Amino acid sequence: MSTPPAGLSQDDWQVSSRCSNGNCVQVARTPRGTIALGDSKDTHGPALEFPLKEWRAFVQAVKAGRMDL
C-alpha cells in the first residue's frame, strides 16, 4: 500500500453501482495515468496503484472468467 495518490479529489473516485453497504473498493485514474484502488470506508487512506496496461489486462481476465475460483 502507498499513501493516497496526490491530486485526487473525492469526486475522482468511483464505486460500483452494486455497492450497497459502503464496504467497497473504489477506483480512480490518477493524474499520472495510473489506476488507484482504495477502500471506500477510508477515503483518505492508502491506495494501491497499477499501470493502466496492467489494470486493463486484469479487467479483461476478470471478464473472461480467468479469475473465477
PDB file of N, CA and C in Angstrom:
ATOM      1  N   MET A   1       0.843  -1.177   0.000  1.00  0.00           N
ATOM      2  CA  MET A   1       0.000   0.000   0.000  1.00  0.00           C
ATOM      3  C   MET A   1       0.886   1.236   0.000  1.00  0.00           C
ATOM      4  N   SER A   2       0.328   2.279  -0.506  1.00  0.00           N
ATOM      5  CA  SER A   2       1.040   3.542  -0.532  1.00  0.00           C
ATOM      6  C   SER A   2       0.137   4.611   0.059  1.00  0.00           C
ATOM      7  N   THR A   3       0.671   5.799   0.149  1.00  0.00           N
ATOM      8  CA  THR A   3      -0.140   6.913   0.623  1.00  0.00           C
ATOM      9  C   THR A   3      -1.187   7.247  -0.433  1.00  0.00           C
ATOM     10  N   PRO A   4      -2.230   7.979  -0.083  1.00  0.00           N
ATOM     11  CA  PRO A   4      -3.226   8.335  -1.087  1.00  0.00           C
ATOM     12  C   PRO A   4      -2.580   9.053  -2.268  1.00  0.00           C
ATOM     13  N   PRO A   5      -2.976   8.736  -3.492  1.00  0.00           N
ATOM     14  CA  PRO A   5      -2.395   9.397  -4.661  1.00  0.00           C
ATOM     15  C   PRO A   5      -2.626  10.899  -4.618  1.00  0.00           C
ATOM     16  N   ALA A   6      -1.591  11.634  -4.896  1.00  0.00           N
ATOM     17  CA  ALA A   6      -1.682  13.098  -4.899  1.00  0.00           C
ATOM     18  C   ALA A   6      -2.551  13.562  -6.055  1.00  0.00           C
ATOM     19  N   GLY A   7      -3.243  14.645  -5.853  1.00  0.00           N
ATOM     20  CA  GLY A   7      -4.019  15.261  -6.920  1.00  0.00           C
ATOM     21  C   GLY A   7      -5.398  14.687  -7.120  1.00  0.00           C
ATOM     22  N   LEU A   8      -5.834  13.743  -6.282  1.00  0.00           N
ATOM     23  CA  LEU A   8      -7.176  13.181  -6.429  1.00  0.00           C
ATOM     24  C   LEU A   8      -8.128  13.842  -5.445  1.00  0.00           C
ATOM     25  N   SER A   9      -9.297  14.201  -5.946  1.00  0.00           N
ATOM     26  CA  SER A   9     -10.332  14.726  -5.057  1.00  0.00           C
ATOM     27  C   SER A   9     -11.341  13.612  -4.799  1.00  0.00           C
ATOM     28  N   GLN A  10     -12.242  13.850  -3.899  1.00  0.00           N
ATOM     29  CA  GLN A  10     -13.283  12.872  -3.591  1.00  0.00           C
ATOM     30  C   GLN A  10     -14.114  12.553  -4.829  1.00  0.00           C
ATOM     31  N   ASP A  11     -14.280  13.528  -5.725  1.00  0.00           N
ATOM     32  CA  ASP A  11     -15.083  13.327  -6.931  1.00  0.00           C
ATOM     33  C   ASP A  11     -14.406  12.442  -7.966  1.00  0.00           C
ATOM     34  N   ASP A  12     -13.103  12.224  -7.847  1.00  0.00           N
ATOM     35  CA  ASP A  12     -12.375  11.397  -8.813  1.00  0.00           C
ATOM     36  C   ASP A  12     -12.620   9.905  -8.609  1.00  0.00           C
ATOM     37  N   TRP A  13     -12.992   9.522  -7.408  1.00  0.00           N
ATOM     38  CA  TRP A  13     -13.176   8.106  -7.074  1.00  0.00           C
ATOM     39  C   TRP A  13     -14.532   7.606  -7.561  1.00  0.00           C
ATOM     40  N   GLN A  14     -14.556   6.351  -8.019  1.00  0.00           N
ATOM     41  CA  GLN A  14     -15.796   5.701  -8.447  1.00  0.00           C
ATOM     42  C   GLN A  14     -15.986   4.437  -7.636  1.00  0.00           C
ATOM     43  N   VAL A  15     -17.236   4.148  -7.320  1.00  0.00           N
ATOM     44  CA  VAL A  15     -17.596   2.921  -6.611  1.00  0.00           C
ATOM     45  C   VAL A  15     -18.658   2.224  -7.450  1.00  0.00           C
ATOM     46  N   SER A  16     -18.632   0.911  -7.483  1.00  0.00           N
ATOM     47  CA  SER A  16     -19.595   0.150  -8.258  1.00  0.00           C
ATOM     48  C   SER A  16     -21.031   0.473  -7.855  1.00  0.00           C
ATOM     49  N   SER A  17     -21.917   0.467  -8.832  1.00  0.00           N
ATOM     50  CA  SER A  17     -23.336   0.668  -8.537  1.00  0.00           C
ATOM     51  C   SER A  17     -23.904  -0.498  -7.733  1.00  0.00           C
ATOM     52  N   ARG A  18     -23.195  -1.607  -7.685  1.00  0.00           N
ATOM     53  CA  ARG A  18     -23.629  -2.765  -6.894  1.00  0.00           C
ATOM     54  C   ARG A  18     -23.204  -2.656  -5.435  1.00  0.00           C
ATOM     55  N   CYS A  19     -22.487  -1.638  -5.096  1.00  0.00           N
ATOM     56  CA  CYS A  19     -22.041  -1.422  -3.726  1.00  0.00           C
ATOM     57  C   CYS A  19     -23.224  -0.892  -2.927  1.00  0.00           C
ATOM     58  N   SER A  20     -23.703  -1.690  -1.994  1.00  0.00           N
ATOM     59  CA  SER A  20     -24.883  -1.273  -1.247  1.00  0.00           C
ATOM     60  C   SER A  20     -24.619  -1.038   0.233  1.00  0.00           C
ATOM     61  N   ASN A  21     -23.537  -1.604   0.747  1.00  0.00           N
ATOM     62  CA  ASN A  21     -23.311  -1.498   2.191  1.00  0.00           C
ATOM     63  C   ASN A  21     -22.189  -0.530   2.557  1.00  0.00           C
ATOM     64  N   GLY A  22     -21.554   0.099   1.588  1.00  0.00           N
ATOM     65  CA  GLY A  22     -20.485   1.049   1.866  1.00  0.00           C
ATOM     66  C   GLY A  22     -19.127   0.430   2.114  1.00  0.00           C
ATOM     67  N   ASN A  23     -19.037  -0.887   2.120  1.00  0.00           N
ATOM     68  CA  ASN A  23     -17.754  -1.582   2.297  1.00  0.00           C
ATOM     69  C   ASN A  23     -17.254  -2.028   0.933  1.00  0.00           C
ATOM     70  N   CYS A  24     -16.780  -1.087   0.152  1.00  0.00           N
ATOM     71  CA  CYS A  24     -16.455  -1.374  -1.239  1.00  0.00           C
ATOM     72  C   CYS A  24     -15.074  -0.864  -1.622  1.00  0.00           C
ATOM     73  N   VAL A  25     -14.613  -1.377  -2.722  1.00  0.00           N
ATOM     74  CA  VAL A  25     -13.380  -0.896  -3.321  1.00  0.00           C
ATOM     75  C   VAL A  25     -13.741   0.289  -4.200  1.00  0.00           C
ATOM     76  N   GLN A  26     -12.924   1.320  -4.164  1.00  0.00           N
ATOM     77  CA  GLN A  26     -13.131   2.465  -5.051  1.00  0.00           C
ATOM     78  C   GLN A  26     -11.952   2.559  -6.003  1.00  0.00           C
ATOM     79  N   VAL A  27     -12.192   3.112  -7.172  1.00  0.00           N
ATOM     80  CA  VAL A  27     -11.170   3.176  -8.212  1.00  0.00           C
ATOM     81  C   VAL A  27     -11.121   4.593  -8.785  1.00  0.00           C
ATOM     82  N   ALA A  28      -9.918   5.020  -9.176  1.00  0.00           N
ATOM     83  CA  ALA A  28      -9.748   6.348  -9.780  1.00  0.00           C
ATOM     84  C   ALA A  28      -8.538   6.319 -10.704  1.00  0.00           C
ATOM     85  N   ARG A  29      -8.601   7.141 -11.730  1.00  0.00           N
ATOM     86  CA  ARG A  29      -7.430   7.348 -12.584  1.00  0.00           C
ATOM     87  C   ARG A  29      -6.667   8.531 -11.996  1.00  0.00           C
ATOM     88  N   THR A  30      -5.379   8.354 -11.784  1.00  0.00           N
ATOM     89  CA  THR A  30      -4.567   9.400 -11.170  1.00  0.00           C
ATOM     90  C   THR A  30      -4.073  10.382 -12.236  1.00  0.00           C
ATOM     91  N   PRO A  31      -3.595  11.544 -11.820  1.00  0.00           N
ATOM     92  CA  PRO A  31      -3.028  12.500 -12.780  1.00  0.00           C
ATOM     93  C   PRO A  31      -1.825  11.921 -13.544  1.00  0.00           C
ATOM     94  N   ARG A  32      -1.154  10.918 -12.964  1.00  0.00           N
ATOM     95  CA  ARG A  32      -0.009  10.279 -13.632  1.00  0.00           C
ATOM     96  C   ARG A  32      -0.442   9.230 -14.651  1.00  0.00           C
ATOM     97  N   GLY A  33      -1.765   8.941 -14.713  1.00  0.00           N
ATOM     98  CA  GLY A  33      -2.258   7.954 -15.666  1.00  0.00           C
ATOM     99  C   GLY A  33      -2.316   6.549 -15.113  1.00  0.00           C
ATOM    100  N   THR A  34      -2.033   6.366 -13.834  1.00  0.00           N
ATOM    101  CA  THR A  34      -2.165   5.050 -13.225  1.00  0.00           C
ATOM    102  C   THR A  34      -3.586   4.878 -12.709  1.00  0.00           C
ATOM    103  N   ILE A  35      -3.916   3.658 -12.319  1.00  0.00           N
ATOM    104  CA  ILE A  35      -5.211   3.362 -11.719  1.00  0.00           C
ATOM    105  C   ILE A  35      -4.995   3.114 -10.235  1.00  0.00           C
ATOM    106  N   ALA A  36      -5.753   3.819  -9.413  1.00  0.00           N
ATOM    107  CA  ALA A  36      -5.645   3.683  -7.958  1.00  0.00           C
ATOM    108  C   ALA A  36      -6.860   2.935  -7.423  1.00  0.00           C
ATOM    109  N   LEU A  37      -6.614   2.031  -6.477  1.00  0.00           N
ATOM    110  CA  LEU A  37      -7.683   1.315  -5.785  1.00  0.00           C
ATOM    111  C   LEU A  37      -7.608   1.665  -4.321  1.00  0.00           C
ATOM    112  N   GLY A  38      -8.739   2.000  -3.749  1.00  0.00           N
ATOM    113  CA  GLY A  38      -8.772   2.352  -2.336  1.00  0.00           C
ATOM    114  C   GLY A  38      -9.991   1.759  -1.660  1.00  0.00           C
ATOM    115  N   ASP A  39     -10.102   1.988  -0.367  1.00  0.00           N
ATOM    116  CA  ASP A  39     -11.191   1.488   0.465  1.00  0.00           C
ATOM    117  C   ASP A  39     -12.214   2.604   0.644  1.00  0.00           C
ATOM    118  N   SER A  40     -13.459   2.345   0.286  1.00  0.00           N
ATOM    119  CA  SER A  40     -14.487   3.387   0.377  1.00  0.00           C
ATOM    120  C   SER A  40     -14.760   3.826   1.815  1.00  0.00           C
ATOM    121  N   LYS A  41     -14.403   3.005   2.787  1.00  0.00           N
ATOM    122  CA  LYS A  41     -14.584   3.389   4.191  1.00  0.00           C
ATOM    123  C   LYS A  41     -13.471   4.314   4.673  1.00  0.00           C
ATOM    124  N   ASP A  42     -12.348   4.340   3.955  1.00  0.00           N
ATOM    125  CA  ASP A  42     -11.188   5.147   4.357  1.00  0.00           C
ATOM    126  C   ASP A  42     -10.722   5.944   3.137  1.00  0.00           C
ATOM    127  N   THR A  43     -11.506   6.935   2.764  1.00  0.00           N
ATOM    128  CA  THR A  43     -11.263   7.647   1.511  1.00  0.00           C
ATOM    129  C   THR A  43      -9.956   8.426   1.482  1.00  0.00           C
ATOM    130  N   HIS A  44      -9.376   8.710   2.629  1.00  0.00           N
ATOM    131  CA  HIS A  44      -8.094   9.408   2.671  1.00  0.00           C
ATOM    132  C   HIS A  44      -6.955   8.467   3.036  1.00  0.00           C
ATOM    133  N   GLY A  45      -7.244   7.180   3.064  1.00  0.00           N
ATOM    134  CA  GLY A  45      -6.244   6.188   3.440  1.00  0.00           C
ATOM    135  C   GLY A  45      -5.370   5.772   2.273  1.00  0.00           C
ATOM    136  N   PRO A  46      -4.566   4.759   2.484  1.00  0.00           N
ATOM    137  CA  PRO A  46      -3.641   4.297   1.439  1.00  0.00           C
ATOM    138  C   PRO A  46      -4.386   3.709   0.241  1.00  0.00           C
ATOM    139  N   ALA A  47      -3.682   3.628  -0.868  1.00  0.00           N
ATOM    140  CA  ALA A  47      -4.257   3.076  -2.092  1.00  0.00           C
ATOM    141  C   ALA A  47      -3.196   2.272  -2.820  1.00  0.00           C
ATOM    142  N   LEU A  48      -3.642   1.282  -3.559  1.00  0.00           N
ATOM    143  CA  LEU A  48      -2.765   0.542  -4.471  1.00  0.00           C
ATOM    144  C   LEU A  48      -2.825   1.233  -5.821  1.00  0.00           C
ATOM    145  N   GLU A  49      -1.689   1.298  -6.508  1.00  0.00           N
ATOM    146  CA  GLU A  49      -1.670   1.895  -7.840  1.00  0.00           C
ATOM    147  C   GLU A  49      -1.115   0.901  -8.844  1.00  0.00           C
ATOM    148  N   PHE A  50      -1.736   0.887 -10.015  1.00  0.00           N
ATOM    149  CA  PHE A  50      -1.338  -0.022 -11.082  1.00  0.00           C
ATOM    150  C   PHE A  50      -1.175   0.748 -12.382  1.00  0.00           C
ATOM    151  N   PRO A  51      -0.183   0.379 -13.197  1.00  0.00           N
ATOM    152  CA  PRO A  51      -0.093   0.972 -14.531  1.00  0.00           C
ATOM    153  C   PRO A  51      -1.351   0.627 -15.330  1.00  0.00           C
ATOM    154  N   LEU A  52      -1.782   1.520 -16.197  1.00  0.00           N
ATOM    155  CA  LEU A  52      -3.012   1.332 -16.962  1.00  0.00           C
ATOM    156  C   LEU A  52      -2.998   0.017 -17.747  1.00  0.00           C
ATOM    157  N   LYS A  53      -1.871  -0.334 -18.332  1.00  0.00           N
ATOM    158  CA  LYS A  53      -1.768  -1.571 -19.121  1.00  0.00           C
ATOM    159  C   LYS A  53      -2.054  -2.792 -18.246  1.00  0.00           C
ATOM    160  N   GLU A  54      -1.525  -2.825 -17.033  1.00  0.00           N
ATOM    161  CA  GLU A  54      -1.767  -3.949 -16.127  1.00  0.00           C
ATOM    162  C   GLU A  54      -3.217  -3.979 -15.663  1.00  0.00           C
ATOM    163  N   TRP A  55      -3.799  -2.816 -15.401  1.00  0.00           N
ATOM    164  CA  TRP A  55      -5.198  -2.747 -14.981  1.00  0.00           C
ATOM    165  C   TRP A  55      -6.110  -3.293 -16.084  1.00  0.00           C
ATOM    166  N   ARG A  56      -5.858  -2.889 -17.311  1.00  0.00           N
ATOM    167  CA  ARG A  56      -6.681  -3.378 -18.428  1.00  0.00           C
ATOM    168  C   ARG A  56      -6.568  -4.891 -18.584  1.00  0.00           C
ATOM    169  N   ALA A  57      -5.366  -5.436 -18.425  1.00  0.00           N
ATOM    170  CA  ALA A  57      -5.181  -6.885 -18.518  1.00  0.00           C
ATOM    171  C   ALA A  57      -5.954  -7.598 -17.401  1.00  0.00           C
ATOM    172  N   PHE A  58      -5.949  -7.043 -16.206  1.00  0.00           N
ATOM    173  CA  PHE A  58      -6.691  -7.615 -15.090  1.00  0.00           C
ATOM    174  C   PHE A  58      -8.190  -7.599 -15.376  1.00  0.00           C
ATOM    175  N   VAL A  59      -8.718  -6.483 -15.838  1.00  0.00           N
ATOM    176  CA  VAL A  59     -10.151  -6.379 -16.130  1.00  0.00           C
ATOM    177  C   VAL A  59     -10.545  -7.369 -17.217  1.00  0.00           C
ATOM    178  N   GLN A  60      -9.732  -7.511 -18.248  1.00  0.00           N
ATOM    179  CA  GLN A  60     -10.015  -8.474 -19.316  1.00  0.00           C
ATOM    180  C   GLN A  60     -10.040  -9.896 -18.766  1.00  0.00           C
ATOM    181  N   ALA A  61      -9.110 -10.215 -17.870  1.00  0.00           N
ATOM    182  CA  ALA A  61      -9.064 -11.551 -17.277  1.00  0.00           C
ATOM    183  C   ALA A  61     -10.306 -11.834 -16.440  1.00  0.00           C
ATOM    184  N   VAL A  62     -10.762 -10.832 -15.688  1.00  0.00           N
ATOM    185  CA  VAL A  62     -11.984 -10.986 -14.889  1.00  0.00           C
ATOM    186  C   VAL A  62     -13.176 -11.232 -15.799  1.00  0.00           C
ATOM    187  N   LYS A  63     -13.298 -10.421 -16.836  1.00  0.00           N
ATOM    188  CA  LYS A  63     -14.438 -10.572 -17.755  1.00  0.00           C
ATOM    189  C   LYS A  63     -14.417 -11.920 -18.461  1.00  0.00           C
ATOM    190  N   ALA A  64     -13.235 -12.456 -18.714  1.00  0.00           N
ATOM    191  CA  ALA A  64     -13.108 -13.737 -19.396  1.00  0.00           C
ATOM    192  C   ALA A  64     -13.290 -14.925 -18.445  1.00  0.00           C
ATOM    193  N   GLY A  65     -13.459 -14.655 -17.154  1.00  0.00           N
ATOM    194  CA  GLY A  65     -13.656 -15.723 -16.188  1.00  0.00           C
ATOM    195  C   GLY A  65     -12.386 -16.389 -15.702  1.00  0.00           C
ATOM    196  N   ARG A  66     -11.234 -15.817 -16.030  1.00  0.00           N
ATOM    197  CA  ARG A  66      -9.966 -16.421 -15.617  1.00  0.00           C
ATOM    198  C   ARG A  66      -9.642 -16.172 -14.150  1.00  0.00           C
ATOM    199  N   MET A  67     -10.443 -15.378 -13.451  1.00  0.00           N
ATOM    200  CA  MET A  67     -10.229 -15.108 -12.024  1.00  0.00           C
ATOM    201  C   MET A  67     -11.252 -15.848 -11.158  1.00  0.00           C
ATOM    202  N   ASP A  68     -12.157 -16.577 -11.798  1.00  0.00           N
ATOM    203  CA  ASP A  68     -13.172 -17.320 -11.044  1.00  0.00           C
ATOM    204  C   ASP A  68     -12.523 -18.462 -10.254  1.00  0.00           C
ATOM    205  N   LEU A  69     -13.021 -18.666  -9.062  1.00  0.00           N
ATOM    206  CA  LEU A  69     -12.498 -19.761  -8.231  1.00  0.00           C
ATOM    207  C   LEU A  69     -13.292 -21.007  -8.408  1.00  0.00           C
TER     208      LEU A  69
END
